[in-house]
Protein backbone atom coordinates (compact mmCIF):
# COMPACT_ATOMS: atom_id res chain seq x y z
CA MET A 1 111.08 67.77 70.95
CA PRO A 2 108.37 65.72 69.08
CA ARG A 3 106.42 66.82 66.02
CA ALA A 4 102.86 66.03 64.95
CA ARG A 5 101.02 66.24 61.69
CA ALA A 6 98.08 68.55 62.39
CA ASN A 7 95.68 70.34 60.00
CA GLY A 8 97.88 69.72 57.15
CA ILE A 9 101.09 71.11 58.62
CA GLU A 10 103.82 70.10 61.01
CA ILE A 11 103.59 71.18 64.63
CA GLU A 12 106.43 71.04 67.15
CA TYR A 13 105.26 70.45 70.69
CA ASP A 14 106.48 69.45 74.14
CA GLU A 15 104.74 67.78 77.16
CA PHE A 16 104.97 67.76 80.91
CA GLY A 17 103.16 65.61 83.40
CA ALA A 18 101.43 62.29 83.26
CA LYS A 19 99.85 61.34 79.76
CA THR A 20 96.85 60.02 81.79
CA ALA A 21 96.11 63.34 83.41
CA SER A 22 93.66 65.86 82.12
CA ALA A 23 95.16 67.81 79.16
CA MET A 24 96.00 71.54 79.28
CA LEU A 25 96.99 73.16 76.04
CA LEU A 26 99.13 76.29 76.16
CA ILE A 27 99.06 78.67 73.28
CA MET A 28 101.69 81.48 72.94
CA GLY A 29 101.37 84.89 71.44
CA LEU A 30 102.49 86.96 68.43
CA GLY A 31 105.87 85.70 67.05
CA ALA A 32 106.46 83.89 70.30
CA GLN A 33 107.72 80.32 70.45
CA MET A 34 106.52 77.68 72.94
CA ILE A 35 109.66 78.14 75.04
CA LEU A 36 108.14 81.42 76.30
CA TRP A 37 105.98 79.17 78.38
CA ARG A 38 108.96 78.53 80.71
CA GLU A 39 109.66 74.98 81.64
CA ASP A 40 109.33 75.62 85.34
CA PHE A 41 105.96 77.35 84.75
CA CYS A 42 104.79 74.23 82.87
CA GLU A 43 106.14 71.93 85.56
CA GLN A 44 104.23 73.91 88.23
CA LEU A 45 100.97 73.33 86.32
CA ALA A 46 101.88 69.70 85.75
CA LYS A 47 102.45 69.17 89.52
CA ARG A 48 98.80 70.15 89.97
CA GLY A 49 97.84 67.05 88.12
CA TYR A 50 97.67 68.12 84.49
CA ARG A 51 99.15 66.96 81.21
CA ILE A 52 100.67 70.12 79.93
CA ILE A 53 101.22 70.56 76.19
CA ARG A 54 103.00 73.59 74.67
CA PHE A 55 103.63 74.11 71.00
CA ASP A 56 104.99 76.37 68.39
CA ASN A 57 102.19 78.11 66.38
CA ARG A 58 102.46 78.00 62.63
CA ASP A 59 105.15 80.40 61.25
CA VAL A 60 107.31 80.38 64.30
CA GLY A 61 109.90 78.14 65.82
CA LYS A 62 110.14 74.59 64.55
CA SER A 63 106.52 74.35 63.26
CA THR A 64 105.74 74.78 59.49
CA THR A 65 106.44 78.21 58.21
CA PHE A 66 104.61 79.95 55.30
CA ALA A 67 107.53 81.77 53.63
CA HIS A 68 105.95 80.90 50.24
CA LEU A 69 103.08 83.36 51.13
CA GLY A 70 105.51 86.26 51.24
CA MET A 71 105.37 89.38 53.29
CA PRO A 72 101.85 90.79 53.76
CA ASP A 73 101.18 94.54 53.35
CA VAL A 74 100.79 95.78 56.88
CA ILE A 75 100.00 99.38 55.80
CA ALA A 76 97.26 98.10 53.53
CA ALA A 77 95.86 95.82 56.19
CA THR A 78 95.91 98.67 58.81
CA THR A 79 94.16 101.07 56.33
CA ALA A 80 91.51 98.45 55.49
CA SER A 81 91.01 97.79 59.31
CA LEU A 82 90.48 101.44 59.98
CA MET A 83 87.94 101.73 57.08
CA ARG A 84 86.19 98.51 58.23
CA GLN A 85 87.02 96.84 54.95
CA PRO A 86 88.01 93.24 54.35
CA ILE A 87 91.69 92.42 54.94
CA ASN A 88 93.69 90.24 52.59
CA ALA A 89 95.49 87.77 54.91
CA PRO A 90 97.48 84.72 54.27
CA TYR A 91 95.47 82.89 57.00
CA LEU A 92 93.19 83.72 59.95
CA LEU A 93 93.07 82.94 63.65
CA ARG A 94 90.52 80.31 62.94
CA ASP A 95 93.18 78.45 60.88
CA MET A 96 95.60 78.68 63.93
CA ALA A 97 92.76 77.36 66.21
CA ALA A 98 92.28 74.49 63.86
CA ASP A 99 96.11 73.77 64.09
CA ALA A 100 95.55 73.45 67.81
CA VAL A 101 92.65 71.03 67.42
CA GLY A 102 94.67 69.06 64.95
CA LEU A 103 97.38 68.66 67.56
CA LEU A 104 94.86 67.46 70.05
CA ASP A 105 93.63 64.96 67.37
CA ALA A 106 97.24 63.74 66.75
CA LEU A 107 97.73 63.15 70.40
CA GLY A 108 94.33 61.39 70.84
CA ILE A 109 92.97 64.10 73.15
CA ASP A 110 89.23 64.62 72.95
CA ARG A 111 89.00 67.77 75.22
CA ALA A 112 91.55 70.00 76.93
CA HIS A 113 91.77 72.99 79.23
CA VAL A 114 92.84 75.72 76.90
CA VAL A 115 95.17 78.53 78.07
CA GLY A 116 96.30 81.39 75.76
CA ALA A 117 98.54 84.44 76.15
CA SER A 118 98.11 87.51 73.98
CA MET A 119 97.45 86.38 70.44
CA GLY A 120 97.34 82.90 71.99
CA GLY A 121 94.41 84.12 74.06
CA MET A 122 92.67 85.20 70.82
CA ILE A 123 93.30 81.70 69.36
CA ALA A 124 92.04 80.22 72.53
CA GLN A 125 88.89 82.24 72.36
CA THR A 126 88.44 81.27 68.74
CA LEU A 127 88.91 77.60 69.64
CA ALA A 128 86.14 77.77 72.39
CA ILE A 129 83.87 79.54 69.90
CA GLU A 130 84.36 77.30 66.81
CA PHE A 131 85.29 73.98 68.50
CA PRO A 132 83.29 74.11 71.79
CA GLU A 133 83.23 70.31 72.18
CA ARG A 134 87.09 70.32 72.47
CA VAL A 135 87.37 72.78 75.36
CA ARG A 136 86.98 71.93 79.07
CA SER A 137 87.86 75.38 80.33
CA LEU A 138 89.20 78.63 78.86
CA THR A 139 91.93 81.01 80.19
CA SER A 140 92.61 84.11 78.24
CA ILE A 141 95.74 86.00 79.37
CA MET A 142 96.61 89.69 78.43
CA SER A 143 94.44 89.36 75.33
CA THR A 144 91.35 90.99 73.83
CA THR A 145 88.07 90.35 71.93
CA GLY A 146 89.31 92.15 68.91
CA ASP A 147 86.68 94.89 69.33
CA PRO A 148 88.01 97.84 67.35
CA THR A 149 86.46 100.33 69.70
CA LEU A 150 88.59 99.17 72.60
CA PRO A 151 91.70 101.45 73.46
CA PRO A 152 94.55 100.85 71.08
CA PRO A 153 98.12 100.08 72.17
CA LYS A 154 99.98 103.03 73.73
CA PRO A 155 102.23 104.75 71.11
CA GLU A 156 105.48 103.41 72.61
CA ALA A 157 104.23 99.86 72.71
CA MET A 158 102.99 99.95 69.11
CA GLY A 159 106.39 101.55 68.09
CA ALA A 160 108.16 98.67 69.75
CA LEU A 161 105.95 96.11 68.13
CA LEU A 162 106.41 97.66 64.66
CA SER A 163 110.20 98.37 65.17
CA PRO A 164 112.45 97.05 62.30
CA LEU A 165 112.59 93.27 61.96
CA PRO A 166 116.08 91.76 62.76
CA ASN A 167 118.41 90.46 60.17
CA ASN A 168 120.74 88.36 62.48
CA ARG A 169 121.07 86.85 65.77
CA ASP A 170 122.50 89.99 67.54
CA GLU A 171 119.74 92.20 66.17
CA ALA A 172 117.11 89.55 67.19
CA ILE A 173 118.41 89.63 70.73
CA GLU A 174 118.67 93.36 71.07
CA ARG A 175 115.12 93.80 69.58
CA SER A 176 113.75 91.40 72.12
CA VAL A 177 115.30 93.31 74.99
CA PHE A 178 113.88 96.60 73.60
CA VAL A 179 110.40 95.17 72.93
CA PHE A 180 110.04 93.48 76.43
CA ARG A 181 111.54 96.48 78.20
CA THR A 182 108.93 98.59 76.58
CA ILE A 183 105.89 96.43 76.96
CA GLY A 184 106.81 94.48 80.15
CA SER A 185 105.83 94.90 83.69
CA THR A 186 106.59 98.11 85.52
CA GLY A 187 105.80 96.66 88.94
CA PHE A 188 108.29 93.81 88.85
CA PRO A 189 112.10 93.56 88.09
CA PHE A 190 113.15 93.27 84.49
CA ASP A 191 115.09 90.13 83.89
CA GLU A 192 117.29 91.18 80.98
CA ALA A 193 119.42 88.03 81.13
CA GLU A 194 116.41 85.70 80.84
CA ILE A 195 115.13 87.78 77.86
CA ARG A 196 118.44 87.49 76.17
CA ASP A 197 118.63 83.83 76.75
CA LEU A 198 115.02 83.29 75.36
CA ALA A 199 115.77 85.40 72.37
CA SER A 200 118.89 83.50 71.66
CA GLN A 201 117.16 80.15 71.90
CA SER A 202 114.25 81.39 69.76
CA TYR A 203 116.75 82.46 67.11
CA GLU A 204 118.46 79.12 67.01
CA ARG A 205 115.20 77.24 67.00
CA GLY A 206 113.76 79.17 64.04
CA PHE A 207 114.21 82.52 62.35
CA GLU A 208 111.22 83.61 60.18
CA PRO A 209 110.56 87.33 60.88
CA ALA A 210 108.02 87.64 58.14
CA GLY A 211 106.06 85.00 60.02
CA VAL A 212 105.43 87.52 62.73
CA THR A 213 103.94 89.90 60.18
CA ARG A 214 101.73 87.15 58.70
CA GLN A 215 100.48 86.39 62.21
CA LEU A 216 99.82 90.13 62.88
CA VAL A 217 97.72 90.47 59.72
CA ALA A 218 95.81 87.35 60.73
CA ILE A 219 94.84 89.07 63.92
CA MET A 220 93.76 92.11 62.14
CA ALA A 221 91.78 90.22 59.57
CA SER A 222 89.90 88.08 62.05
CA GLY A 223 87.75 90.81 63.42
CA SER A 224 85.88 91.01 66.71
CA ARG A 225 84.81 87.94 68.74
CA THR A 226 82.67 89.93 71.23
CA THR A 227 79.22 88.69 70.08
CA ALA A 228 80.42 85.07 69.45
CA LEU A 229 82.04 84.83 72.92
CA ALA A 230 78.55 84.94 74.46
CA SER A 231 78.13 81.32 73.19
CA VAL A 232 81.01 80.05 75.46
CA ARG A 233 79.65 77.75 78.11
CA VAL A 234 82.79 76.45 79.75
CA PRO A 235 84.32 77.86 82.96
CA ALA A 236 86.46 80.78 81.92
CA LEU A 237 89.12 82.98 83.37
CA VAL A 238 90.58 86.27 82.13
CA ILE A 239 93.97 87.46 83.46
CA HIS A 240 95.29 90.86 82.71
CA GLY A 241 97.87 93.29 83.94
CA THR A 242 96.80 96.76 85.01
CA ASP A 243 99.93 98.29 83.39
CA ASP A 244 99.76 96.52 80.00
CA PRO A 245 100.60 99.17 77.37
CA LEU A 246 100.17 96.90 74.35
CA ILE A 247 96.72 95.39 75.08
CA GLN A 248 95.34 97.76 77.66
CA VAL A 249 93.53 96.52 80.73
CA ASP A 250 90.17 97.62 79.37
CA SER A 251 90.51 94.83 76.78
CA GLY A 252 90.73 92.32 79.55
CA ARG A 253 87.67 93.73 81.16
CA ALA A 254 85.80 93.57 77.91
CA THR A 255 86.86 89.92 77.39
CA ALA A 256 85.57 88.95 80.76
CA ALA A 257 82.28 90.88 80.14
CA ALA A 258 81.81 89.06 76.83
CA ILE A 259 82.20 85.58 78.17
CA PRO A 260 79.27 84.40 80.40
CA ASN A 261 80.27 84.04 84.08
CA ALA A 262 83.97 84.55 83.33
CA GLU A 263 86.25 85.27 86.27
CA LEU A 264 88.53 88.40 85.93
CA LEU A 265 91.90 88.47 87.67
CA LEU A 266 93.70 91.88 87.45
CA ILE A 267 97.33 91.90 88.48
CA GLU A 268 98.65 95.27 89.69
CA GLY A 269 101.99 96.20 88.13
CA MET A 270 101.84 93.55 85.42
CA GLY A 271 102.47 94.64 81.72
CA HIS A 272 102.44 92.58 78.65
CA ASP A 273 104.48 89.66 80.00
CA MET A 274 104.30 87.15 82.74
CA PRO A 275 106.98 87.94 85.40
CA ARG A 276 107.94 85.12 87.70
CA PRO A 277 106.64 86.73 90.89
CA VAL A 278 103.07 86.49 89.56
CA TRP A 279 103.28 82.76 88.50
CA PRO A 280 101.82 81.45 91.85
CA ARG A 281 98.70 83.56 91.48
CA MET A 282 98.37 82.58 87.90
CA VAL A 283 98.92 78.86 88.52
CA ASP A 284 96.38 78.91 91.30
CA ALA A 285 93.81 80.68 89.22
CA ILE A 286 94.26 78.58 86.13
CA CYS A 287 93.99 75.41 88.16
CA ALA A 288 90.98 76.69 89.94
CA VAL A 289 88.95 77.43 86.70
CA ALA A 290 90.08 74.05 85.34
CA GLY A 291 88.93 72.45 88.50
CA ARG A 292 85.53 73.93 88.03
CA ALA A 293 85.14 71.95 84.85
């Protein structure tokens, strides 16, 4: 896969569809590599007439990692967050949004439809707030505004997210199965074989467990986007599962309420993942909001 120099770092990316088509940038979530945007999902979007671009965020996969910044203190960050005090973070979501803009620059793309999942939704929201001239439409999937008054993750979901980081390939695969079984969709079959395959590929592409922690602290330190989202003027879509235990459905509702004229699509039985049976609805909705732009 190709690499680009963007915002002072190296970004690994991949493309689907015609380069002359309208660009659609896909941003993945916490600790997740671009391969979690499955190839066949990307191809479905590309067949609708879009140039699909997926990429590894900083600190995961084959993009630049920040190991020199060390492991942040999550307990201190959590305590500061609860006390509404500043959090010492190695970088913020706005830096990750600037990475995405830098990738668009490197590819010669002025504006793109931006689609983000989980933390990727937070980055996409930040991009729409801080770089409005670069965004044609915004889709935020299973994400949140960062409002600290919204319901927190359910205990089992937070426990899975904060479970011990893996030390080797086998541990990485087993942890992924445990996490996705805990936070995934209750209303759809659990595809353990695919999770194991994705975890194996992710391990081989790049293993930087501390990078997940740095991203997590970036989320915590970036605060709420609720007020700033009122400035978004592009067509917007919020997709959320009704059974999401990690970022509960009220966060999806709050995101849609914060963005003027945003459409809200709630999917029954969907958790904090994107099971294949819901792809047709998601693709239709994403392309519909892009079409309105």
